[in-house]
Amino acid sequence: SEYVGRSRYRMVPQKRVIGVSPPETPAPTVSQ
């Protein structure tokens, strides 16, 4: 029985983006 070695695998962060664009304001309805 023998020790082969140690393996180190680095962590890679998960990347994401979050939307910040405000919703569009609907144009007022004009009653004619």
PDB file of all heavy atoms in Angstrom:
ATOM      1  N   SER A   1       0.865  -1.173   0.000  1.00  0.00           N
ATOM      2  CA  SER A   1       0.000   0.000   0.000  1.00  0.00           C
ATOM      3  C   SER A   1       0.904   1.226   0.000  1.00  0.00           C
ATOM      4  O   SER A   1       1.819   1.316   0.829  1.00  0.00           O
ATOM      5  CB  SER A   1      -0.911  -0.002   1.233  1.00  0.00           C
ATOM      6  OG  SER A   1      -1.688   1.174   1.271  1.00  0.00           O
ATOM      7  N   GLU A   2       0.652   2.136  -0.918  1.00  0.00           N
ATOM      8  CA  GLU A   2       1.532   3.305  -1.019  1.00  0.00           C
ATOM      9  C   GLU A   2       0.717   4.562  -1.331  1.00  0.00           C
ATOM     10  O   GLU A   2      -0.377   4.516  -1.903  1.00  0.00           O
ATOM     11  CB  GLU A   2       2.605   3.084  -2.077  1.00  0.00           C
ATOM     12  CG  GLU A   2       2.069   2.898  -3.479  1.00  0.00           C
ATOM     13  CD  GLU A   2       3.193   2.618  -4.474  1.00  0.00           C
ATOM     14  OE1 GLU A   2       3.882   1.583  -4.322  1.00  0.00           O
ATOM     15  OE2 GLU A   2       3.355   3.458  -5.384  1.00  0.00           O
ATOM     16  N   TYR A   3       1.306   5.669  -0.920  1.00  0.00           N
ATOM     17  CA  TYR A   3       0.712   6.984  -1.154  1.00  0.00           C
ATOM     18  C   TYR A   3       1.151   7.477  -2.530  1.00  0.00           C
ATOM     19  O   TYR A   3       2.350   7.596  -2.812  1.00  0.00           O
ATOM     20  CB  TYR A   3       1.175   7.941  -0.057  1.00  0.00           C
ATOM     21  CG  TYR A   3       0.722   9.372  -0.221  1.00  0.00           C
ATOM     22  CD1 TYR A   3      -0.615   9.722  -0.143  1.00  0.00           C
ATOM     23  CD2 TYR A   3       1.664  10.386  -0.422  1.00  0.00           C
ATOM     24  CE1 TYR A   3      -1.020  11.041  -0.272  1.00  0.00           C
ATOM     25  CE2 TYR A   3       1.268  11.714  -0.545  1.00  0.00           C
ATOM     26  CZ  TYR A   3      -0.074  12.031  -0.473  1.00  0.00           C
ATOM     27  OH  TYR A   3      -0.474  13.332  -0.602  1.00  0.00           O
ATOM     28  N   VAL A   4       0.180   7.763  -3.413  1.00  0.00           N
ATOM     29  CA  VAL A   4       0.498   8.201  -4.770  1.00  0.00           C
ATOM     30  C   VAL A   4       0.763   9.692  -4.817  1.00  0.00           C
ATOM     31  O   VAL A   4       1.728  10.152  -5.449  1.00  0.00           O
ATOM     32  CB  VAL A   4      -0.648   7.824  -5.733  1.00  0.00           C
ATOM     33  CG1 VAL A   4      -0.372   8.367  -7.138  1.00  0.00           C
ATOM     34  CG2 VAL A   4      -0.824   6.310  -5.767  1.00  0.00           C
ATOM     35  N   GLY A   5      -0.076  10.496  -4.152  1.00  0.00           N
ATOM     36  CA  GLY A   5       0.139  11.932  -4.165  1.00  0.00           C
ATOM     37  C   GLY A   5      -1.144  12.695  -3.849  1.00  0.00           C
ATOM     38  O   GLY A   5      -2.231  12.115  -3.701  1.00  0.00           O
ATOM     39  N   ARG A   6      -0.981  14.007  -3.733  1.00  0.00           N
ATOM     40  CA  ARG A   6      -2.101  14.895  -3.420  1.00  0.00           C
ATOM     41  C   ARG A   6      -2.455  15.740  -4.650  1.00  0.00           C
ATOM     42  O   ARG A   6      -1.571  16.274  -5.328  1.00  0.00           O
ATOM     43  CB  ARG A   6      -1.773  15.801  -2.241  1.00  0.00           C
ATOM     44  CG  ARG A   6      -2.800  16.889  -1.969  1.00  0.00           C
ATOM     45  CD  ARG A   6      -2.601  17.491  -0.586  1.00  0.00           C
ATOM     46  NE  ARG A   6      -2.999  16.547   0.461  1.00  0.00           N
ATOM     47  CZ  ARG A   6      -3.092  16.861   1.751  1.00  0.00           C
ATOM     48  NH1 ARG A   6      -2.807  18.102   2.165  1.00  0.00           N
ATOM     49  NH2 ARG A   6      -3.441  15.946   2.638  1.00  0.00           N
ATOM     50  N   SER A   7      -3.745  15.841  -4.895  1.00  0.00           N
ATOM     51  CA  SER A   7      -4.239  16.646  -6.015  1.00  0.00           C
ATOM     52  C   SER A   7      -5.027  17.817  -5.454  1.00  0.00           C
ATOM     53  O   SER A   7      -5.908  17.638  -4.600  1.00  0.00           O
ATOM     54  CB  SER A   7      -5.138  15.806  -6.933  1.00  0.00           C
ATOM     55  OG  SER A   7      -4.446  14.672  -7.422  1.00  0.00           O
ATOM     56  N   ARG A   8      -4.720  19.001  -5.952  1.00  0.00           N
ATOM     57  CA  ARG A   8      -5.433  20.213  -5.527  1.00  0.00           C
ATOM     58  C   ARG A   8      -6.158  20.809  -6.734  1.00  0.00           C
ATOM     59  O   ARG A   8      -5.512  21.171  -7.727  1.00  0.00           O
ATOM     60  CB  ARG A   8      -4.465  21.238  -4.934  1.00  0.00           C
ATOM     61  CG  ARG A   8      -3.707  20.724  -3.705  1.00  0.00           C
ATOM     62  CD  ARG A   8      -2.740  21.785  -3.196  1.00  0.00           C
ATOM     63  NE  ARG A   8      -1.939  21.295  -2.088  1.00  0.00           N
ATOM     64  CZ  ARG A   8      -2.299  21.344  -0.805  1.00  0.00           C
ATOM     65  NH1 ARG A   8      -3.472  21.903  -0.481  1.00  0.00           N
ATOM     66  NH2 ARG A   8      -1.509  20.884   0.135  1.00  0.00           N
ATOM     67  N   TYR A   9      -7.451  20.903  -6.625  1.00  0.00           N
ATOM     68  CA  TYR A   9      -8.287  21.467  -7.693  1.00  0.00           C
ATOM     69  C   TYR A   9      -8.874  22.773  -7.182  1.00  0.00           C
ATOM     70  O   TYR A   9      -9.546  22.802  -6.143  1.00  0.00           O
ATOM     71  CB  TYR A   9      -9.407  20.507  -8.084  1.00  0.00           C
ATOM     72  CG  TYR A   9      -8.905  19.123  -8.485  1.00  0.00           C
ATOM     73  CD1 TYR A   9      -8.888  18.079  -7.563  1.00  0.00           C
ATOM     74  CD2 TYR A   9      -8.462  18.887  -9.775  1.00  0.00           C
ATOM     75  CE1 TYR A   9      -8.448  16.818  -7.928  1.00  0.00           C
ATOM     76  CE2 TYR A   9      -8.019  17.622 -10.157  1.00  0.00           C
ATOM     77  CZ  TYR A   9      -8.007  16.589  -9.221  1.00  0.00           C
ATOM     78  OH  TYR A   9      -7.562  15.339  -9.587  1.00  0.00           O
ATOM     79  N   ARG A  10      -8.619  23.818  -7.918  1.00  0.00           N
ATOM     80  CA  ARG A  10      -9.050  25.127  -7.447  1.00  0.00           C
ATOM     81  C   ARG A  10     -10.557  25.339  -7.675  1.00  0.00           C
ATOM     82  O   ARG A  10     -11.161  24.755  -8.572  1.00  0.00           O
ATOM     83  CB  ARG A  10      -8.267  26.248  -8.118  1.00  0.00           C
ATOM     84  CG  ARG A  10      -8.490  26.408  -9.605  1.00  0.00           C
ATOM     85  CD  ARG A  10      -7.566  27.486 -10.155  1.00  0.00           C
ATOM     86  NE  ARG A  10      -7.719  27.688 -11.588  1.00  0.00           N
ATOM     87  CZ  ARG A  10      -8.576  28.549 -12.125  1.00  0.00           C
ATOM     88  NH1 ARG A  10      -9.354  29.294 -11.329  1.00  0.00           N
ATOM     89  NH2 ARG A  10      -8.677  28.672 -13.436  1.00  0.00           N
ATOM     90  N   MET A  11     -11.090  26.183  -6.835  1.00  0.00           N
ATOM     91  CA  MET A  11     -12.497  26.568  -6.935  1.00  0.00           C
ATOM     92  C   MET A  11     -12.635  27.699  -7.944  1.00  0.00           C
ATOM     93  O   MET A  11     -11.816  28.616  -7.993  1.00  0.00           O
ATOM     94  CB  MET A  11     -13.021  27.004  -5.560  1.00  0.00           C
ATOM     95  CG  MET A  11     -14.501  27.415  -5.542  1.00  0.00           C
ATOM     96  SD  MET A  11     -14.765  29.178  -5.960  1.00  0.00           S
ATOM     97  CE  MET A  11     -13.925  30.008  -4.637  1.00  0.00           C
ATOM     98  N   VAL A  12     -13.700  27.622  -8.763  1.00  0.00           N
ATOM     99  CA  VAL A  12     -13.998  28.673  -9.736  1.00  0.00           C
ATOM    100  C   VAL A  12     -15.372  29.245  -9.392  1.00  0.00           C
ATOM    101  O   VAL A  12     -16.356  28.500  -9.351  1.00  0.00           O
ATOM    102  CB  VAL A  12     -13.993  28.128 -11.181  1.00  0.00           C
ATOM    103  CG1 VAL A  12     -14.336  29.236 -12.168  1.00  0.00           C
ATOM    104  CG2 VAL A  12     -12.644  27.504 -11.502  1.00  0.00           C
ATOM    105  N   PRO A  13     -15.469  30.537  -9.088  1.00  0.00           N
ATOM    106  CA  PRO A  13     -16.760  31.112  -8.691  1.00  0.00           C
ATOM    107  C   PRO A  13     -17.783  31.042  -9.816  1.00  0.00           C
ATOM    108  O   PRO A  13     -17.444  31.114 -11.001  1.00  0.00           O
ATOM    109  CB  PRO A  13     -16.420  32.569  -8.338  1.00  0.00           C
ATOM    110  CG  PRO A  13     -14.930  32.604  -8.180  1.00  0.00           C
ATOM    111  CD  PRO A  13     -14.389  31.541  -9.073  1.00  0.00           C
ATOM    112  N   GLN A  14     -19.014  30.911  -9.405  1.00  0.00           N
ATOM    113  CA  GLN A  14     -20.113  31.050 -10.358  1.00  0.00           C
ATOM    114  C   GLN A  14     -20.332  32.535 -10.619  1.00  0.00           C
ATOM    115  O   GLN A  14     -20.330  33.340  -9.689  1.00  0.00           O
ATOM    116  CB  GLN A  14     -21.391  30.433  -9.803  1.00  0.00           C
ATOM    117  CG  GLN A  14     -22.583  30.513 -10.748  1.00  0.00           C
ATOM    118  CD  GLN A  14     -23.875  30.070 -10.082  1.00  0.00           C
ATOM    119  OE1 GLN A  14     -24.366  30.728  -9.162  1.00  0.00           O
ATOM    120  NE2 GLN A  14     -24.406  28.951 -10.530  1.00  0.00           N
ATOM    121  N   LYS A  15     -20.506  32.895 -11.873  1.00  0.00           N
ATOM    122  CA  LYS A  15     -20.683  34.306 -12.222  1.00  0.00           C
ATOM    123  C   LYS A  15     -22.070  34.517 -12.804  1.00  0.00           C
ATOM    124  O   LYS A  15     -22.530  33.742 -13.643  1.00  0.00           O
ATOM    125  CB  LYS A  15     -19.607  34.745 -13.224  1.00  0.00           C
ATOM    126  CG  LYS A  15     -18.198  34.714 -12.639  1.00  0.00           C
ATOM    127  CD  LYS A  15     -17.176  35.255 -13.626  1.00  0.00           C
ATOM    128  CE  LYS A  15     -15.782  35.258 -13.016  1.00  0.00           C
ATOM    129  NZ  LYS A  15     -14.765  35.798 -13.953  1.00  0.00           N
ATOM    130  N   ARG A  16     -22.705  35.577 -12.333  1.00  0.00           N
ATOM    131  CA  ARG A  16     -24.036  35.898 -12.824  1.00  0.00           C
ATOM    132  C   ARG A  16     -24.217  37.410 -12.864  1.00  0.00           C
ATOM    133  O   ARG A  16     -23.484  38.147 -12.194  1.00  0.00           O
ATOM    134  CB  ARG A  16     -25.120  35.265 -11.943  1.00  0.00           C
ATOM    135  CG  ARG A  16     -25.131  35.811 -10.515  1.00  0.00           C
ATOM    136  CD  ARG A  16     -26.217  35.169  -9.692  1.00  0.00           C
ATOM    137  NE  ARG A  16     -26.353  35.796  -8.378  1.00  0.00           N
ATOM    138  CZ  ARG A  16     -27.282  35.473  -7.491  1.00  0.00           C
ATOM    139  NH1 ARG A  16     -28.148  34.523  -7.774  1.00  0.00           N
ATOM    140  NH2 ARG A  16     -27.348  36.095  -6.325  1.00  0.00           N
ATOM    141  N   VAL A  17     -25.184  37.836 -13.627  1.00  0.00           N
ATOM    142  CA  VAL A  17     -25.506  39.265 -13.717  1.00  0.00           C
ATOM    143  C   VAL A  17     -26.965  39.443 -13.320  1.00  0.00           C
ATOM    144  O   VAL A  17     -27.816  38.572 -13.547  1.00  0.00           O
ATOM    145  CB  VAL A  17     -25.254  39.815 -15.140  1.00  0.00           C
ATOM    146  CG1 VAL A  17     -23.776  39.837 -15.449  1.00  0.00           C
ATOM    147  CG2 VAL A  17     -25.996  38.996 -16.186  1.00  0.00           C
ATOM    148  N   ILE A  18     -27.253  40.595 -12.703  1.00  0.00           N
ATOM    149  CA  ILE A  18     -28.596  40.920 -12.242  1.00  0.00           C
ATOM    150  C   ILE A  18     -29.042  42.187 -12.950  1.00  0.00           C
ATOM    151  O   ILE A  18     -28.340  43.189 -12.969  1.00  0.00           O
ATOM    152  CB  ILE A  18     -28.627  41.116 -10.718  1.00  0.00           C
ATOM    153  CG1 ILE A  18     -28.108  39.856 -10.014  1.00  0.00           C
ATOM    154  CG2 ILE A  18     -30.029  41.464 -10.238  1.00  0.00           C
ATOM    155  CD1 ILE A  18     -27.994  39.985  -8.515  1.00  0.00           C
ATOM    156  N   GLY A  19     -30.218  42.119 -13.541  1.00  0.00           N
ATOM    157  CA  GLY A  19     -30.740  43.259 -14.271  1.00  0.00           C
ATOM    158  C   GLY A  19     -31.143  44.394 -13.352  1.00  0.00           C
ATOM    159  O   GLY A  19     -31.708  44.178 -12.279  1.00  0.00           O
ATOM    160  N   VAL A  20     -30.850  45.617 -13.754  1.00  0.00           N
ATOM    161  CA  VAL A  20     -31.199  46.806 -12.959  1.00  0.00           C
ATOM    162  C   VAL A  20     -31.968  47.823 -13.789  1.00  0.00           C
ATOM    163  O   VAL A  20     -32.240  48.924 -13.313  1.00  0.00           O
ATOM    164  CB  VAL A  20     -29.928  47.463 -12.376  1.00  0.00           C
ATOM    165  CG1 VAL A  20     -29.261  46.552 -11.362  1.00  0.00           C
ATOM    166  CG2 VAL A  20     -28.945  47.832 -13.488  1.00  0.00           C
ATOM    167  N   SER A  21     -32.325  47.472 -15.021  1.00  0.00           N
ATOM    168  CA  SER A  21     -33.054  48.413 -15.859  1.00  0.00           C
ATOM    169  C   SER A  21     -34.491  48.537 -15.358  1.00  0.00           C
ATOM    170  O   SER A  21     -35.204  47.536 -15.260  1.00  0.00           O
ATOM    171  CB  SER A  21     -33.051  47.949 -17.313  1.00  0.00           C
ATOM    172  OG  SER A  21     -33.825  48.822 -18.119  1.00  0.00           O
ATOM    173  N   PRO A  22     -34.957  49.767 -14.988  1.00  0.00           N
ATOM    174  CA  PRO A  22     -36.329  49.915 -14.480  1.00  0.00           C
ATOM    175  C   PRO A  22     -37.334  49.613 -15.574  1.00  0.00           C
ATOM    176  O   PRO A  22     -37.064  49.804 -16.760  1.00  0.00           O
ATOM    177  CB  PRO A  22     -36.389  51.390 -14.054  1.00  0.00           C
ATOM    178  CG  PRO A  22     -35.342  52.054 -14.894  1.00  0.00           C
ATOM    179  CD  PRO A  22     -34.247  51.046 -15.096  1.00  0.00           C
ATOM    180  N   PRO A  23     -38.513  49.134 -15.178  1.00  0.00           N
ATOM    181  CA  PRO A  23     -39.538  48.853 -16.192  1.00  0.00           C
ATOM    182  C   PRO A  23     -40.012  50.130 -16.871  1.00  0.00           C
ATOM    183  O   PRO A  23     -39.998  51.211 -16.274  1.00  0.00           O
ATOM    184  CB  PRO A  23     -40.657  48.186 -15.377  1.00  0.00           C
ATOM    185  CG  PRO A  23     -40.450  48.686 -13.981  1.00  0.00           C
ATOM    186  CD  PRO A  23     -38.961  48.854 -13.813  1.00  0.00           C
ATOM    187  N   GLU A  24     -40.399  50.000 -18.103  1.00  0.00           N
ATOM    188  CA  GLU A  24     -40.871  51.151 -18.848  1.00  0.00           C
ATOM    189  C   GLU A  24     -42.224  51.623 -18.312  1.00  0.00           C
ATOM    190  O   GLU A  24     -43.087  50.812 -17.979  1.00  0.00           O
ATOM    191  CB  GLU A  24     -41.009  50.798 -20.330  1.00  0.00           C
ATOM    192  CG  GLU A  24     -39.684  50.478 -21.007  1.00  0.00           C
ATOM    193  CD  GLU A  24     -39.864  50.211 -22.488  1.00  0.00           C
ATOM    194  OE1 GLU A  24     -41.029  50.280 -22.947  1.00  0.00           O
ATOM    195  OE2 GLU A  24     -38.875  49.938 -23.172  1.00  0.00           O
ATOM    196  N   THR A  25     -42.382  52.969 -18.175  1.00  0.00           N
ATOM    197  CA  THR A  25     -43.635  53.543 -17.697  1.00  0.00           C
ATOM    198  C   THR A  25     -44.609  53.666 -18.860  1.00  0.00           C
ATOM    199  O   THR A  25     -44.291  54.295 -19.868  1.00  0.00           O
ATOM    200  CB  THR A  25     -43.394  54.934 -17.085  1.00  0.00           C
ATOM    201  OG1 THR A  25     -42.428  54.823 -16.034  1.00  0.00           O
ATOM    202  CG2 THR A  25     -44.690  55.511 -16.544  1.00  0.00           C
ATOM    203  N   PRO A  26     -45.783  53.054 -18.749  1.00  0.00           N
ATOM    204  CA  PRO A  26     -46.730  53.133 -19.865  1.00  0.00           C
ATOM    205  C   PRO A  26     -47.225  54.553 -20.055  1.00  0.00           C
ATOM    206  O   PRO A  26     -47.366  55.328 -19.113  1.00  0.00           O
ATOM    207  CB  PRO A  26     -47.854  52.179 -19.442  1.00  0.00           C
ATOM    208  CG  PRO A  26     -47.758  52.126 -17.949  1.00  0.00           C
ATOM    209  CD  PRO A  26     -46.303  52.265 -17.620  1.00  0.00           C
ATOM    210  N   ALA A  27     -47.481  54.924 -21.289  1.00  0.00           N
ATOM    211  CA  ALA A  27     -47.983  56.260 -21.613  1.00  0.00           C
ATOM    212  C   ALA A  27     -49.393  56.426 -21.056  1.00  0.00           C
ATOM    213  O   ALA A  27     -50.192  55.479 -21.043  1.00  0.00           O
ATOM    214  CB  ALA A  27     -47.991  56.461 -23.124  1.00  0.00           C
ATOM    215  N   PRO A  28     -49.739  57.645 -20.537  1.00  0.00           N
ATOM    216  CA  PRO A  28     -51.079  57.854 -19.964  1.00  0.00           C
ATOM    217  C   PRO A  28     -52.153  57.705 -21.034  1.00  0.00           C
ATOM    218  O   PRO A  28     -51.971  58.098 -22.178  1.00  0.00           O
ATOM    219  CB  PRO A  28     -51.012  59.280 -19.412  1.00  0.00           C
ATOM    220  CG  PRO A  28     -49.910  59.934 -20.204  1.00  0.00           C
ATOM    221  CD  PRO A  28     -48.910  58.851 -20.481  1.00  0.00           C
ATOM    222  N   THR A  29     -53.287  57.162 -20.605  1.00  0.00           N
ATOM    223  CA  THR A  29     -54.409  56.966 -21.515  1.00  0.00           C
ATOM    224  C   THR A  29     -55.263  58.224 -21.553  1.00  0.00           C
ATOM    225  O   THR A  29     -55.699  58.723 -20.513  1.00  0.00           O
ATOM    226  CB  THR A  29     -55.266  55.770 -21.066  1.00  0.00           C
ATOM    227  OG1 THR A  29     -54.420  54.618 -20.998  1.00  0.00           O
ATOM    228  CG2 THR A  29     -56.398  55.520 -22.050  1.00  0.00           C
ATOM    229  N   VAL A  30     -55.489  58.789 -22.733  1.00  0.00           N
ATOM    230  CA  VAL A  30     -56.284  60.005 -22.895  1.00  0.00           C
ATOM    231  C   VAL A  30     -57.695  59.609 -23.304  1.00  0.00           C
ATOM    232  O   VAL A  30     -57.899  58.910 -24.304  1.00  0.00           O
ATOM    233  CB  VAL A  30     -55.666  60.929 -23.964  1.00  0.00           C
ATOM    234  CG1 VAL A  30     -56.516  62.183 -24.149  1.00  0.00           C
ATOM    235  CG2 VAL A  30     -54.245  61.295 -23.571  1.00  0.00           C
ATOM    236  N   SER A  31     -58.659  60.054 -22.488  1.00  0.00           N
ATOM    237  CA  SER A  31     -60.053  59.750 -22.781  1.00  0.00           C
ATOM    238  C   SER A  31     -60.617  60.829 -23.689  1.00  0.00           C
ATOM    239  O   SER A  31     -60.621  62.015 -23.353  1.00  0.00           O
ATOM    240  CB  SER A  31     -60.875  59.681 -21.481  1.00  0.00           C
ATOM    241  OG  SER A  31     -62.223  59.448 -21.768  1.00  0.00           O
ATOM    242  N   GLN A  32     -61.091  60.467 -24.842  1.00  0.00           N
ATOM    243  CA  GLN A  32     -61.621  61.408 -25.817  1.00  0.00           C
ATOM    244  C   GLN A  32     -63.130  61.258 -25.922  1.00  0.00           C
ATOM    245  O   GLN A  32     -63.640  60.156 -26.113  1.00  0.00           O
ATOM    246  CB  GLN A  32     -60.987  61.169 -27.183  1.00  0.00           C
ATOM    247  CG  GLN A  32     -59.477  61.424 -27.208  1.00  0.00           C
ATOM    248  CD  GLN A  32     -58.904  61.233 -28.588  1.00  0.00           C
ATOM    249  OE1 GLN A  32     -59.599  60.731 -29.468  1.00  0.00           O
ATOM    250  NE2 GLN A  32     -57.661  61.638 -28.774  1.00  0.00           N
TER     251      GLN A  32
END
